[in-house]
Amino acid sequence: NNPDLEQLKSATIIVAHNMPRNSIIVYESTVYPGLTEEFCIPILEKESNLKNKIDFWVGYSPERINPGDKFHTLENIIKVVSAQDNYSLNVIELVYKKIIKAGVYKAENIKIAEAAKVIENIQRDLNIALVNELSIIFSKLGIDTRKVLEAAKTKWNFLNFVPGLVGGHCIGVDPYYLTYKAEEIGYHPEVILAGRKINDSMSLFIGNQILEKILNNSELKGALKVILLGISFKENVKDIRNSKVIDIYNLLIKYGIHVEVFDPIVDKKE
């Protein structure tokens, strides 16, 4: 689960070969704290033959877009910005203010902005992992998880998360950036990795539940046909990267079940 930085490296090299002096380079990719300054800046210096903080400056402003969400679009999400110095920070702030209606938040430094972004997704991953584990327990107890959550959310401070599959290239991947960095400095993170383990196992749990219903029902044994409504990692998006629905598909066909997929948004070629 080490981060793959090849695309970031390639993009940085392209930028380095084309940036003029006095440029301010802003990164938006989700990374572990310190990566922009420890990994990207040395590449920029080497490939451009320019000196950081003399010939060019660097900032960081994490992407926060929620795919498939028509309300929380780029202009409606507060933009966190950071930079190496106050001048660059103010320039970056002015640029983003032209397109961001929700406002701009200036972080104290680049590492803080990097850390803020990665924990946004870690927090969501862990909250989903909690209700996923609860749903497994309640399933074994014969309790309807949805009804439990409906009752629990009547308390004002209950966080209303629901069980589900965690895939895609953000929530299911980003926690590993921080766990990688934590391991590098000698700390083994347990809670974050436990959440990842639970969420990664949910497709197998759901797939086995489907298999159990089919194989234990005499009326269904003859049909052995399943239609999956949606193949992308979440609703209303075309992206199938790290989609856990594919895991369910593979499990079902392994047991000889005929599976068809219907998704009007995803390209058939993918």
Protein backbone atom coordinates (compact mmCIF):
# COMPACT_ATOMS: atom_id res chain seq x y z
CA ASN A 1 0.00 0.00 0.00
CA ASN A 2 2.83 2.41 -0.75
CA PRO A 3 1.74 5.52 -2.69
CA ASP A 4 2.32 5.51 -6.44
CA LEU A 5 3.85 8.90 -7.22
CA GLU A 6 4.71 8.30 -10.88
CA GLN A 7 1.93 10.48 -12.33
CA LEU A 8 2.74 13.29 -9.92
CA LYS A 9 6.41 12.99 -10.82
CA SER A 10 5.66 13.05 -14.56
CA ALA A 11 3.41 16.10 -14.23
CA THR A 12 6.04 17.89 -12.15
CA ILE A 13 8.72 17.23 -14.78
CA ILE A 14 6.47 18.64 -17.51
CA VAL A 15 5.83 21.76 -15.43
CA ALA A 16 9.54 22.14 -14.67
CA HIS A 17 10.44 22.03 -18.36
CA ASN A 18 7.96 24.78 -19.21
CA MET A 19 7.80 27.19 -16.27
CA PRO A 20 9.37 30.65 -16.59
CA ARG A 21 11.21 32.41 -13.79
CA ASN A 22 9.10 33.89 -10.97
CA SER A 23 6.42 31.23 -11.40
CA ILE A 24 4.19 30.14 -8.53
CA ILE A 25 3.39 26.43 -8.90
CA VAL A 26 0.30 25.21 -7.05
CA TYR A 27 -0.32 21.51 -6.39
CA GLU A 28 -3.80 20.12 -5.72
CA SER A 29 -3.17 16.36 -5.51
CA THR A 30 -3.90 14.54 -2.26
CA VAL A 31 -0.58 13.61 -0.67
CA TYR A 32 0.98 12.91 2.72
CA PRO A 33 2.20 15.88 4.78
CA GLY A 34 5.59 17.01 3.51
CA LEU A 35 5.46 15.48 0.05
CA THR A 36 5.12 18.75 -1.88
CA GLU A 37 8.28 20.17 -0.34
CA GLU A 38 10.25 16.93 0.04
CA PHE A 39 9.40 15.27 -3.29
CA CYS A 40 8.04 17.81 -5.78
CA ILE A 41 10.28 20.81 -5.18
CA PRO A 42 13.57 18.90 -5.69
CA ILE A 43 12.23 17.62 -9.03
CA LEU A 44 11.22 21.13 -10.07
CA GLU A 45 14.70 22.43 -9.22
CA LYS A 46 16.54 19.59 -10.96
CA GLU A 47 14.49 19.61 -14.17
CA SER A 48 14.25 23.40 -14.54
CA ASN A 49 17.74 24.40 -13.35
CA LEU A 50 16.00 27.06 -11.27
CA LYS A 51 16.25 27.66 -7.53
CA ASN A 52 13.24 27.44 -5.24
CA LYS A 53 12.41 30.64 -3.31
CA ILE A 54 14.66 32.57 -5.68
CA ASP A 55 13.43 31.73 -9.19
CA PHE A 56 10.09 30.11 -8.36
CA TRP A 57 7.73 29.44 -5.45
CA VAL A 58 5.35 26.64 -4.60
CA GLY A 59 1.89 26.47 -3.04
CA TYR A 60 -0.62 23.78 -2.21
CA SER A 61 -4.42 23.91 -2.44
CA PRO A 62 -6.10 20.51 -2.15
CA GLU A 63 -8.87 19.44 -4.48
CA ARG A 64 -12.16 19.02 -2.60
CA ILE A 65 -14.65 18.21 -5.35
CA ASN A 66 -17.19 15.49 -4.59
CA PRO A 67 -17.80 13.50 -7.83
CA GLY A 68 -21.47 13.24 -8.75
CA ASP A 69 -22.47 16.00 -6.31
CA LYS A 70 -24.24 18.79 -8.20
CA PHE A 71 -24.37 21.12 -5.19
CA HIS A 72 -20.87 20.87 -3.74
CA THR A 73 -19.14 21.99 -6.92
CA LEU A 74 -15.77 23.76 -7.14
CA GLU A 75 -17.14 27.26 -6.58
CA ASN A 76 -19.32 26.18 -3.64
CA ILE A 77 -16.59 24.58 -1.53
CA ILE A 78 -14.26 26.62 0.69
CA LYS A 79 -10.78 26.51 -0.84
CA VAL A 80 -7.84 25.83 1.45
CA VAL A 81 -4.67 27.52 0.20
CA SER A 82 -1.08 27.47 1.41
CA ALA A 83 2.33 28.61 0.22
CA GLN A 84 5.99 29.03 1.10
CA ASP A 85 5.72 32.76 1.83
CA ASN A 86 3.08 35.43 2.40
CA TYR A 87 3.45 37.00 -1.05
CA SER A 88 2.79 33.71 -2.85
CA LEU A 89 -0.04 32.93 -0.44
CA ASN A 90 -1.76 36.23 -1.20
CA VAL A 91 -1.36 35.74 -4.95
CA ILE A 92 -2.82 32.22 -4.76
CA GLU A 93 -5.68 33.51 -2.62
CA LEU A 94 -6.51 36.23 -5.15
CA VAL A 95 -6.54 33.76 -8.04
CA TYR A 96 -8.88 31.30 -6.33
CA LYS A 97 -11.15 34.07 -5.03
CA LYS A 98 -12.05 34.84 -8.63
CA ILE A 99 -13.78 31.48 -9.03
CA ILE A 100 -14.59 30.33 -5.47
CA LYS A 101 -17.86 31.77 -4.15
CA ALA A 102 -17.65 29.94 -0.82
CA GLY A 103 -14.45 31.70 0.22
CA VAL A 104 -10.77 30.92 0.70
CA TYR A 105 -9.07 29.68 3.88
CA LYS A 106 -5.35 30.42 4.27
CA ALA A 107 -3.52 27.60 6.04
CA GLU A 108 -0.39 28.46 8.00
CA ASN A 109 1.88 26.31 5.84
CA ILE A 110 1.88 23.65 3.14
CA LYS A 111 2.15 20.68 5.50
CA ILE A 112 -0.95 21.79 7.41
CA ALA A 113 -2.94 22.04 4.17
CA GLU A 114 -1.69 18.63 3.03
CA ALA A 115 -2.61 17.07 6.37
CA ALA A 116 -6.03 18.74 6.41
CA LYS A 117 -6.93 17.26 3.04
CA VAL A 118 -5.83 13.72 3.82
CA ILE A 119 -7.68 13.59 7.16
CA GLU A 120 -10.91 14.79 5.53
CA ASN A 121 -11.05 11.54 3.60
CA ILE A 122 -9.67 9.43 6.46
CA GLN A 123 -12.41 10.67 8.76
CA ARG A 124 -15.09 9.73 6.25
CA ASP A 125 -13.48 6.34 5.61
CA LEU A 126 -13.43 5.55 9.34
CA ASN A 127 -17.01 6.67 9.92
CA ILE A 128 -18.19 4.42 7.10
CA ALA A 129 -16.03 1.58 8.45
CA LEU A 130 -17.75 1.89 11.82
CA VAL A 131 -21.27 1.55 10.42
CA ASN A 132 -20.07 -1.21 8.08
CA GLU A 133 -18.79 -3.22 11.03
CA LEU A 134 -22.00 -2.51 12.94
CA SER A 135 -24.03 -3.73 9.96
CA ILE A 136 -22.08 -7.01 9.95
CA ILE A 137 -22.74 -7.49 13.67
CA PHE A 138 -26.43 -6.59 13.36
CA SER A 139 -26.81 -8.90 10.36
CA LYS A 140 -25.53 -11.81 12.43
CA LEU A 141 -27.93 -10.81 15.23
CA GLY A 142 -30.88 -10.64 12.85
CA ILE A 143 -31.35 -6.89 13.41
CA ASP A 144 -32.21 -4.44 10.62
CA THR A 145 -29.30 -1.97 10.49
CA ARG A 146 -31.36 0.70 8.74
CA LYS A 147 -33.93 0.72 11.51
CA VAL A 148 -31.19 0.90 14.14
CA LEU A 149 -29.69 3.95 12.42
CA GLU A 150 -33.11 5.60 12.05
CA ALA A 151 -33.62 5.29 15.79
CA ALA A 152 -30.09 6.37 16.70
CA LYS A 153 -30.09 9.50 14.53
CA THR A 154 -32.93 10.98 16.56
CA LYS A 155 -30.20 12.06 18.99
CA TRP A 156 -28.89 15.49 17.98
CA ASN A 157 -25.18 14.60 17.98
CA PHE A 158 -25.37 11.21 16.26
CA LEU A 159 -23.37 11.18 13.00
CA ASN A 160 -25.66 9.88 10.28
CA PHE A 161 -23.47 7.55 8.22
CA VAL A 162 -24.81 4.49 6.41
CA PRO A 163 -23.13 1.18 5.46
CA GLY A 164 -21.78 0.82 1.95
CA LEU A 165 -18.92 0.10 -0.41
CA VAL A 166 -15.91 2.42 -0.31
CA GLY A 167 -14.08 2.59 -3.63
CA GLY A 168 -12.79 5.13 -6.09
CA HIS A 169 -9.48 6.95 -6.13
CA CYS A 170 -10.01 9.13 -3.04
CA ILE A 171 -11.52 7.77 0.16
CA GLY A 172 -10.39 4.20 -0.46
CA VAL A 173 -6.84 5.24 -1.33
CA ASP A 174 -5.94 8.46 0.51
CA PRO A 175 -5.62 6.92 4.02
CA TYR A 176 -2.61 4.96 2.78
CA TYR A 177 -0.71 8.20 2.14
CA LEU A 178 -0.77 9.04 5.83
CA THR A 179 -0.21 5.48 7.04
CA TYR A 180 2.81 5.25 4.71
CA LYS A 181 4.28 8.43 6.17
CA ALA A 182 3.48 7.30 9.71
CA GLU A 183 5.30 3.99 9.15
CA GLU A 184 8.23 5.89 7.67
CA ILE A 185 8.69 7.85 10.90
CA GLY A 186 8.33 4.73 13.06
CA TYR A 187 4.67 4.82 14.07
CA HIS A 188 2.26 2.03 13.17
CA PRO A 189 -1.28 3.42 12.75
CA GLU A 190 -3.90 0.93 13.90
CA VAL A 191 -7.29 2.65 13.70
CA ILE A 192 -6.81 3.96 10.15
CA LEU A 193 -5.66 0.58 8.82
CA ALA A 194 -8.43 -1.24 10.69
CA GLY A 195 -10.97 0.98 8.95
CA ARG A 196 -9.42 0.22 5.58
CA LYS A 197 -9.49 -3.52 6.29
CA ILE A 198 -13.19 -3.42 7.17
CA ASN A 199 -14.19 -1.33 4.16
CA ASP A 200 -12.14 -3.44 1.75
CA SER A 201 -13.85 -6.58 3.05
CA MET A 202 -17.41 -5.28 2.60
CA SER A 203 -17.69 -6.34 -1.04
CA LEU A 204 -16.93 -9.93 0.01
CA PHE A 205 -19.46 -9.72 2.85
CA ILE A 206 -22.20 -8.40 0.54
CA GLY A 207 -21.30 -10.87 -2.20
CA ASN A 208 -21.51 -13.77 0.23
CA GLN A 209 -24.89 -12.55 1.46
CA ILE A 210 -26.17 -12.56 -2.12
CA LEU A 211 -24.75 -16.05 -2.67
CA GLU A 212 -26.37 -17.31 0.51
CA LYS A 213 -29.79 -16.00 -0.51
CA ILE A 214 -29.48 -17.61 -3.95
CA LEU A 215 -28.02 -20.97 -2.96
CA ASN A 216 -30.33 -21.45 0.03
CA ASN A 217 -33.48 -20.63 -1.91
CA SER A 218 -34.80 -23.53 -3.97
CA GLU A 219 -36.86 -21.18 -6.15
CA LEU A 220 -33.78 -19.19 -7.11
CA LYS A 221 -31.43 -22.10 -7.77
CA GLY A 222 -32.75 -22.70 -11.26
CA ALA A 223 -32.38 -19.08 -12.35
CA LEU A 224 -28.93 -18.18 -10.98
CA LYS A 225 -29.03 -14.82 -12.70
CA VAL A 226 -28.16 -11.48 -11.12
CA ILE A 227 -28.39 -7.95 -12.50
CA LEU A 228 -26.08 -5.37 -10.93
CA LEU A 229 -27.56 -1.88 -11.17
CA GLY A 230 -24.46 0.28 -11.41
CA ILE A 231 -20.79 -0.63 -11.78
CA SER A 232 -19.03 2.67 -10.93
CA PHE A 233 -17.52 3.26 -7.49
CA LYS A 234 -20.43 5.54 -6.53
CA GLU A 235 -23.72 6.75 -7.99
CA ASN A 236 -23.94 9.21 -10.89
CA VAL A 237 -20.27 9.02 -11.95
CA LYS A 238 -18.46 7.35 -14.85
CA ASP A 239 -15.41 6.35 -12.82
CA ILE A 240 -14.95 2.61 -12.19
CA ARG A 241 -11.48 2.84 -10.64
CA ASN A 242 -11.29 0.71 -7.50
CA SER A 243 -15.02 0.01 -7.72
CA LYS A 244 -15.97 -2.61 -5.14
CA VAL A 245 -18.98 -3.59 -7.26
CA ILE A 246 -16.50 -5.32 -9.56
CA ASP A 247 -15.39 -7.49 -6.63
CA ILE A 248 -19.00 -8.61 -6.14
CA TYR A 249 -19.30 -9.31 -9.87
CA ASN A 250 -16.16 -11.47 -9.85
CA LEU A 251 -17.30 -13.40 -6.78
CA LEU A 252 -20.69 -14.22 -8.28
CA ILE A 253 -19.37 -15.43 -11.63
CA LYS A 254 -16.83 -17.55 -9.76
CA TYR A 255 -19.78 -19.55 -8.44
CA GLY A 256 -21.29 -19.97 -11.90
CA ILE A 257 -23.92 -17.28 -11.55
CA HIS A 258 -24.83 -15.38 -14.70
CA VAL A 259 -24.32 -11.69 -13.96
CA GLU A 260 -25.38 -8.74 -16.09
CA VAL A 261 -24.50 -5.12 -15.42
CA PHE A 262 -26.65 -2.10 -16.14
CA ASP A 263 -25.08 1.33 -15.85
CA PRO A 264 -26.26 4.05 -18.27
CA ILE A 265 -23.41 6.40 -17.33
CA VAL A 266 -20.31 4.20 -17.54
CA ASP A 267 -18.71 3.69 -20.96
CA LYS A 268 -19.17 0.08 -22.15
CA LYS A 269 -15.54 -0.07 -23.29
CA GLU A 270 -14.37 0.39 -19.71
